[in-house]
Protein backbone atom coordinates (compact mmCIF):
# COMPACT_ATOMS: atom_id res chain seq x y z
CA MET A 1 92.03 66.75 113.01
CA GLU A 2 95.48 67.86 111.93
CA HIS A 3 95.93 64.67 109.96
CA LEU A 4 93.29 65.94 107.52
CA ILE A 5 95.19 69.14 106.69
CA ASN A 6 96.41 69.51 103.10
CA GLN A 7 99.86 67.91 103.08
CA ARG A 8 101.26 70.64 100.85
CA VAL A 9 100.28 73.23 103.43
CA LYS A 10 101.76 71.13 106.23
CA ASN A 11 105.03 70.92 104.32
CA ILE A 12 105.56 74.68 104.06
CA GLU A 13 106.72 76.94 106.87
CA ILE A 14 106.25 80.57 107.77
CA SER A 15 108.83 82.96 106.34
CA GLY A 16 112.27 82.66 107.90
CA ILE A 17 112.30 86.45 108.14
CA ARG A 18 109.16 86.51 110.27
CA LYS A 19 110.20 83.43 112.21
CA PHE A 20 113.42 85.05 113.38
CA PHE A 21 111.75 88.44 113.96
CA ASN A 22 109.09 86.82 116.17
CA MET A 23 111.74 84.86 118.05
CA VAL A 24 113.69 87.95 119.12
CA ALA A 25 110.96 90.62 119.25
CA HIS A 26 110.63 90.28 123.04
CA VAL A 27 114.25 91.38 123.68
CA ASP A 28 114.36 94.71 125.51
CA ASP A 29 116.20 97.62 123.84
CA LEU A 30 116.66 95.59 120.67
CA ILE A 31 118.02 97.34 117.59
CA SER A 32 116.29 95.58 114.74
CA PHE A 33 117.67 95.56 111.20
CA THR A 34 115.26 92.79 110.22
CA ILE A 35 111.88 93.67 108.73
CA GLY A 36 111.84 95.40 105.34
CA GLN A 37 109.53 98.23 106.28
CA PRO A 38 110.17 101.94 105.61
CA ASP A 39 110.65 103.93 108.80
CA PHE A 40 108.84 106.92 107.29
CA PRO A 41 105.15 107.63 107.97
CA THR A 42 102.61 107.35 105.17
CA PRO A 43 102.47 110.81 103.49
CA GLU A 44 99.93 113.15 105.09
CA HIS A 45 97.93 113.70 101.90
CA VAL A 46 97.59 109.94 101.45
CA LYS A 47 96.32 109.48 105.00
CA ALA A 48 93.91 112.36 104.50
CA ALA A 49 92.48 110.68 101.40
CA GLY A 50 91.84 107.53 103.42
CA ILE A 51 90.14 109.50 106.20
CA THR A 52 87.97 111.31 103.66
CA ALA A 53 86.97 107.98 102.11
CA ILE A 54 85.65 106.83 105.49
CA GLU A 55 83.90 110.13 106.20
CA GLU A 56 82.21 110.03 102.78
CA ASN A 57 81.15 106.40 103.29
CA PHE A 58 83.29 105.04 100.47
CA THR A 59 83.17 101.69 102.21
CA SER A 60 81.47 99.36 99.74
CA TYR A 61 82.76 96.85 97.22
CA THR A 62 84.50 98.28 94.18
CA HIS A 63 84.98 96.69 90.77
CA ASN A 64 86.90 93.44 91.26
CA ALA A 65 89.92 94.91 89.49
CA GLY A 66 89.75 98.15 91.50
CA THR A 67 88.16 101.51 90.82
CA ILE A 68 88.65 102.69 87.27
CA GLU A 69 90.13 105.95 88.58
CA LEU A 70 92.86 104.09 90.43
CA ARG A 71 93.53 101.76 87.52
CA GLU A 72 93.88 104.74 85.19
CA ALA A 73 96.22 106.45 87.64
CA ALA A 74 98.29 103.29 88.15
CA CYS A 75 98.73 102.83 84.40
CA HIS A 76 99.71 106.49 84.07
CA PHE A 77 102.21 106.05 86.92
CA VAL A 78 104.09 103.13 85.32
CA ASN A 79 103.95 104.84 81.93
CA ILE A 80 105.53 108.04 83.22
CA LYS A 81 108.04 106.27 85.43
CA TYR A 82 109.03 103.22 83.36
CA GLY A 83 107.61 103.67 79.87
CA LEU A 84 105.12 100.81 80.23
CA ASP A 85 101.84 100.92 78.32
CA TYR A 86 98.81 99.16 79.82
CA LYS A 87 95.07 99.57 79.29
CA PRO A 88 93.38 100.54 82.58
CA GLU A 89 90.14 98.81 81.59
CA SER A 90 91.66 95.37 81.21
CA GLU A 91 95.41 95.13 81.90
CA VAL A 92 95.79 96.07 85.57
CA ILE A 93 94.38 94.57 88.78
CA VAL A 94 94.52 96.32 92.14
CA THR A 95 95.47 93.69 94.72
CA ALA A 96 95.80 93.31 98.48
CA GLY A 97 99.50 94.11 98.39
CA ALA A 98 102.13 92.68 96.07
CA SER A 99 101.92 89.40 98.00
CA GLU A 100 98.38 88.72 96.77
CA ALA A 101 99.43 89.68 93.25
CA ILE A 102 102.19 87.05 93.35
CA ASP A 103 99.78 84.47 94.74
CA ILE A 104 97.05 84.93 92.12
CA ALA A 105 99.59 85.07 89.30
CA PHE A 106 101.14 81.74 90.29
CA ARG A 107 97.77 80.14 90.90
CA THR A 108 96.71 81.14 87.40
CA ILE A 109 99.77 80.11 85.39
CA LEU A 110 101.18 77.09 87.25
CA THR A 111 100.12 73.48 86.90
CA GLU A 112 101.26 70.21 88.45
CA GLY A 113 104.92 69.56 87.65
CA SER A 114 105.63 72.87 85.96
CA GLU A 115 108.94 74.48 86.92
CA VAL A 116 109.68 77.99 88.12
CA LEU A 117 113.23 79.35 87.95
CA LEU A 118 114.24 81.45 90.94
CA PRO A 119 117.54 83.20 91.65
CA GLY A 120 119.13 82.09 94.90
CA PRO A 121 119.31 83.80 97.35
CA ILE A 122 115.75 85.11 97.08
CA TYR A 123 112.85 86.49 99.11
CA PRO A 124 111.00 83.52 100.67
CA GLY A 125 107.51 84.51 99.52
CA TYR A 126 107.55 82.66 96.19
CA GLU A 127 108.54 79.08 96.92
CA PRO A 128 105.63 78.14 99.24
CA ILE A 129 103.00 79.24 96.70
CA ILE A 130 104.78 77.37 93.93
CA LYS A 131 104.84 74.19 96.02
CA MET A 132 101.19 74.51 97.02
CA MET A 133 100.36 74.52 93.31
CA GLY A 134 102.21 71.24 92.87
CA ALA A 135 104.81 73.05 90.78
CA ILE A 136 108.57 72.80 91.27
CA PRO A 137 110.81 75.68 92.41
CA VAL A 138 114.21 75.50 90.73
CA HIS A 139 116.78 77.68 92.47
CA VAL A 140 119.74 78.96 90.48
CA ASP A 141 122.86 79.78 92.49
CA ILE A 142 123.81 83.37 91.56
CA ARG A 143 126.29 84.00 94.38
CA GLN A 144 129.31 83.85 92.08
CA ASN A 145 127.67 86.23 89.60
CA GLN A 146 127.47 89.24 91.91
CA PHE A 147 123.89 88.13 92.71
CA ARG A 148 122.80 88.83 89.12
CA PHE A 149 120.24 86.51 87.48
CA THR A 150 121.51 87.08 83.97
CA LEU A 151 120.81 85.09 80.80
CA ASP A 152 123.94 82.95 81.13
CA MET A 153 122.69 81.91 84.57
CA ILE A 154 119.17 81.18 83.32
CA LYS A 155 119.78 79.26 80.09
CA PRO A 156 121.25 76.03 81.54
CA PHE A 157 118.17 75.55 83.73
CA ILE A 158 115.46 75.95 81.12
CA THR A 159 113.67 72.69 80.32
CA GLU A 160 110.50 71.72 78.51
CA ASN A 161 108.74 72.01 81.89
CA THR A 162 109.84 75.59 82.61
CA ARG A 163 106.69 77.66 82.96
CA CYS A 164 107.92 80.84 84.65
CA ILE A 165 111.08 82.77 85.49
CA VAL A 166 111.00 85.10 88.47
CA LEU A 167 112.93 88.37 88.12
CA PRO A 168 112.74 90.16 91.48
CA TYR A 169 114.63 93.40 90.89
CA PRO A 170 115.70 95.45 92.77
CA SER A 171 116.29 92.37 94.85
CA ASN A 172 115.31 91.48 98.35
CA PRO A 173 117.67 90.46 99.98
CA THR A 174 120.66 91.67 97.96
CA GLY A 175 119.57 95.10 96.69
CA VAL A 176 121.02 94.22 93.28
CA SER A 177 119.29 95.29 90.03
CA LEU A 178 119.74 94.19 86.45
CA THR A 179 120.84 96.63 83.76
CA GLU A 180 118.79 97.48 80.69
CA SER A 181 121.12 95.46 78.47
CA GLU A 182 120.90 92.41 80.77
CA LEU A 183 117.10 92.58 80.74
CA ARG A 184 117.02 93.01 76.96
CA GLU A 185 119.20 89.92 76.54
CA ILE A 186 116.80 87.84 78.62
CA ALA A 187 113.78 89.22 76.75
CA ASN A 188 115.28 88.51 73.34
CA TYR A 189 116.09 84.93 74.29
CA LEU A 190 112.68 84.18 75.80
CA LYS A 191 110.61 85.85 73.09
CA ASN A 192 108.02 83.45 71.65
CA LYS A 193 108.96 80.72 74.11
CA ASN A 194 106.12 79.29 76.23
CA ILE A 195 107.55 80.82 79.39
CA PHE A 196 106.10 83.55 81.59
CA ILE A 197 108.21 86.15 83.37
CA LEU A 198 107.08 87.25 86.82
CA ALA A 199 108.77 90.62 87.31
CA ASP A 200 108.48 91.57 90.98
CA GLU A 201 109.29 95.29 90.93
CA ILE A 202 108.01 96.38 94.34
CA TYR A 203 111.25 98.33 95.00
CA SER A 204 111.25 100.05 91.58
CA GLU A 205 110.99 103.55 93.08
CA LEU A 206 113.98 102.96 95.35
CA THR A 207 116.92 102.75 92.95
CA TYR A 208 120.06 104.79 93.51
CA ASP A 209 122.55 104.66 90.65
CA GLN A 210 120.33 104.20 87.60
CA PRO A 211 116.60 104.52 86.84
CA HIS A 212 114.57 101.35 87.15
CA LYS A 213 113.94 99.47 83.92
CA SER A 214 111.26 96.81 83.56
CA ILE A 215 111.66 93.77 81.34
CA ALA A 216 108.03 94.37 80.34
CA ALA A 217 109.32 97.24 78.20
CA PHE A 218 110.92 94.59 75.97
CA LEU A 219 108.60 91.59 76.38
CA LYS A 220 105.19 92.77 77.54
CA GLU A 221 103.30 89.84 76.02
CA GLN A 222 104.97 87.26 78.31
CA THR A 223 105.49 89.37 81.43
CA ILE A 224 103.43 89.75 84.58
CA VAL A 225 104.59 92.86 86.45
CA ILE A 226 104.08 93.04 90.21
CA ASN A 227 104.28 96.40 91.92
CA GLY A 228 102.64 98.31 94.75
CA LEU A 229 102.82 101.12 97.28
CA SER A 230 104.22 99.43 100.39
CA LYS A 231 107.83 100.49 99.80
CA SER A 232 107.45 103.54 97.55
CA HIS A 233 104.91 105.33 99.75
CA SER A 234 105.50 103.65 103.12
CA MET A 235 102.06 102.04 102.97
CA THR A 236 102.82 98.48 104.10
CA GLY A 237 99.67 98.18 106.22
CA TRP A 238 97.36 99.65 103.59
CA ARG A 239 97.88 96.52 101.47
CA ILE A 240 97.73 97.93 97.97
CA GLY A 241 99.53 96.21 95.11
CA PHE A 242 99.23 96.29 91.34
CA LEU A 243 99.43 93.49 88.80
CA PHE A 244 100.01 94.48 85.16
CA ALA A 245 99.82 92.04 82.25
CA PRO A 246 98.31 91.69 78.77
CA GLU A 247 94.53 91.32 78.71
CA CYS A 248 94.67 87.65 77.67
CA ILE A 249 96.46 86.96 80.97
CA THR A 250 94.65 89.34 83.34
CA ASN A 251 91.27 88.02 82.18
CA HIS A 252 92.10 84.76 83.93
CA ILE A 253 94.05 86.16 86.88
CA LEU A 254 91.04 88.38 87.66
CA LYS A 255 88.89 85.29 88.21
CA VAL A 256 91.29 83.98 90.85
CA HIS A 257 91.49 87.44 92.45
CA GLN A 258 87.69 87.71 92.56
CA TYR A 259 87.25 84.43 94.40
CA ASN A 260 90.17 85.26 96.66
CA ILE A 261 89.27 88.72 98.03
CA SER A 262 86.57 90.20 95.73
CA CYS A 263 88.43 93.52 95.65
CA ALA A 264 91.11 95.48 97.44
CA THR A 265 89.88 97.57 100.37
CA SER A 266 87.89 100.55 99.08
CA ILE A 267 89.33 102.97 101.65
CA ALA A 268 92.91 101.94 100.83
CA GLN A 269 92.14 102.37 97.13
CA LYS A 270 91.19 106.01 97.71
CA ALA A 271 94.45 106.55 99.60
CA ALA A 272 96.33 104.81 96.79
CA LEU A 273 94.77 107.15 94.24
CA ALA A 274 96.26 110.09 96.10
CA ALA A 275 99.61 108.29 96.28
CA VAL A 276 99.98 107.70 92.54
CA THR A 277 98.62 111.11 91.46
CA THR A 278 99.42 113.95 93.85
CA GLY A 279 102.11 111.80 95.42
CA ILE A 280 103.68 110.51 92.22
CA ASP A 281 107.12 111.57 93.47
CA ASP A 282 106.61 110.91 97.19
CA ALA A 283 109.38 108.30 97.15
CA LEU A 284 112.05 110.89 96.35
CA VAL A 285 112.22 112.17 99.93
CA MET A 286 112.75 108.66 101.25
CA LYS A 287 115.18 107.78 98.50
CA ARG A 288 117.46 110.72 99.32
CA GLU A 289 117.60 109.63 102.94
CA TYR A 290 118.14 105.96 102.04
CA LEU A 291 121.00 106.99 99.78
CA LYS A 292 122.77 108.72 102.69
CA ARG A 293 122.23 105.65 104.83
CA ARG A 294 123.47 103.32 102.11
CA GLU A 295 126.73 105.26 101.79
CA TYR A 296 127.23 105.34 105.54
CA VAL A 297 126.49 101.64 106.06
CA PHE A 298 128.66 100.59 103.11
CA LYS A 299 131.59 102.57 104.46
CA ARG A 300 131.17 101.06 107.92
CA LEU A 301 130.83 97.49 106.67
CA THR A 302 133.85 97.69 104.39
CA THR A 303 135.88 99.27 107.19
CA MET A 304 135.02 96.20 109.26
CA GLY A 305 136.50 94.09 106.46
CA LEU A 306 133.17 92.51 105.53
CA ASP A 307 132.55 91.13 102.06
CA VAL A 308 129.53 93.04 100.71
CA ILE A 309 128.14 94.35 97.42
CA LYS A 310 126.79 97.89 97.43
CA PRO A 311 123.04 97.62 96.66
CA ASP A 312 121.61 99.31 93.55
CA GLY A 313 118.17 99.61 95.10
CA ALA A 314 115.81 98.64 97.96
CA PHE A 315 117.22 99.10 101.49
CA TYR A 316 119.21 95.97 102.25
CA PHE A 317 122.78 94.80 102.48
CA PHE A 318 123.44 91.09 102.07
CA ILE A 319 126.66 90.44 103.94
CA LYS A 320 128.95 87.44 103.98
CA ILE A 321 129.65 86.11 107.45
CA PRO A 322 133.43 86.09 107.98
CA ASP A 323 135.02 82.64 107.93
CA ALA A 324 136.58 83.33 111.32
CA VAL A 325 133.12 83.41 112.92
CA ALA A 326 132.56 79.72 112.11
CA LEU A 327 128.81 79.81 112.71
CA ASN A 328 125.92 79.14 110.37
CA SER A 329 123.74 82.12 109.60
CA PHE A 330 121.00 81.31 112.10
CA ASP A 331 123.40 80.76 114.99
CA PHE A 332 125.32 83.89 114.00
CA ALA A 333 122.16 86.01 114.05
CA LEU A 334 120.98 84.49 117.33
CA LYS A 335 124.33 85.03 119.03
CA LEU A 336 124.39 88.62 117.75
CA VAL A 337 121.04 89.25 119.46
CA GLN A 338 122.08 87.53 122.67
CA GLU A 339 125.38 89.37 123.01
CA THR A 340 124.69 92.79 121.48
CA LYS A 341 120.88 93.19 121.18
CA VAL A 342 121.21 93.74 117.42
CA ALA A 343 118.93 91.72 115.14
CA VAL A 344 119.61 90.85 111.49
CA VAL A 345 118.01 88.18 109.29
CA PRO A 346 119.88 84.88 108.82
CA GLY A 347 120.77 84.31 105.18
CA SER A 348 119.22 80.86 105.36
CA ALA A 349 115.80 82.57 105.27
CA PHE A 350 116.49 83.30 101.59
CA SER A 351 116.97 79.72 100.37
CA GLU A 352 119.94 77.41 100.82
CA TYR A 353 122.00 79.83 98.73
CA GLY A 354 121.65 82.46 101.41
CA GLU A 355 123.46 80.34 103.97
CA GLY A 356 126.69 81.99 105.08
CA TYR A 357 125.22 85.49 104.81
CA PHE A 358 122.97 87.82 106.78
CA ARG A 359 120.63 90.58 105.64
CA LEU A 360 120.76 94.02 107.20
CA SER A 361 117.98 96.51 106.53
CA PHE A 362 118.94 100.19 106.61
CA ALA A 363 115.32 101.34 106.80
CA CYS A 364 115.92 102.95 110.17
CA SER A 365 117.41 106.17 111.53
CA MET A 366 121.07 107.11 111.25
CA ASP A 367 121.32 107.11 115.04
CA LEU A 368 120.16 103.51 115.23
CA LEU A 369 122.40 102.52 112.34
CA GLU A 370 125.42 104.02 114.04
CA LEU A 371 124.67 102.38 117.38
CA GLY A 372 123.83 99.02 115.85
CA LEU A 373 126.89 98.98 113.60
CA ASN A 374 129.10 99.90 116.56
CA ARG A 375 127.78 96.83 118.35
CA LEU A 376 128.22 94.64 115.28
CA GLU A 377 131.80 95.82 114.89
CA GLN A 378 132.63 95.03 118.51
CA PHE A 379 130.95 91.64 118.15
CA LEU A 380 133.19 90.79 115.19
CA ILE A 381 136.30 92.08 116.98
CA ASN A 382 135.53 89.77 119.89
CA PHE A 383 135.53 86.78 117.51
CA LYS A 384 138.95 87.73 116.18
């Protein structure tokens, strides 16, 4: 029966991140710098709210867009943190993680043949959805621009078919963010053009050198903001995301969301309410620890002579494989596992423009970072 499967589905593959992780997960005593998951537990008060929801039988459907209490709290959260102004009644949808938010946004705004501009390298979760919609992903090589998807990078690729531009900042895999002036330039240029911006801001609470700024502050009417609690509150398994957009856009996205999942899990919504109210600053504890790790890892990598940009946010380094190694990114990562039991993600998982690099997550303890980086250093010495 496989011959009857939708050809567009047959043509996509599972994420290169997951593919490599699954391939090496069986290795004993593996030090994994692969999956982008905080190594902190979900805050106790958030877990308690989820437990209480079960005990009080809050286990039924909610409003399709989420409980009004959570929508009010989510709008308050992004207003306090980023100066964004959304109406809780009609301009926010609670989703099953940021991934569902991305999916329903693309399925609402894309049509056959429309083009979506993506910076390359980029997280692999966008391209498959775009292709399943019959739309065309257009990758823009930003490697020579310090991984910054700035206006001068964007302009040459805009055509009459451009429907959306994806701004995923802070970036997975590079950790790079755009400055307020860079975002304002993009917003000014795109204003009144028939182009959506999908601003994936899931790492917005994990910035180190400057506060996060959203392009929606300058161009709300054309921007769909994606956010959520997976990274900021270490709630990856709770699957709570938020989609913010003007009412004329969310009215239609909500229809897709409704037929997709009806509503986000009621229990997780109660936990999320605690996260964005009582726990509005829960990310600060994690951020302080990530900052220490970032400084340590950056120092170690540069001491090894590796070509790397210090990340502005998130918890990744995107590292150029030394020319002397003479391996593609997949073979490099596989050999690293086989010889040192250290796992990183091949850069090829992040589009063709990630080839020649590897991603290292520092969302793990300092002890593991030290041990893993010692092994990486010896591995590179052996090549020399």
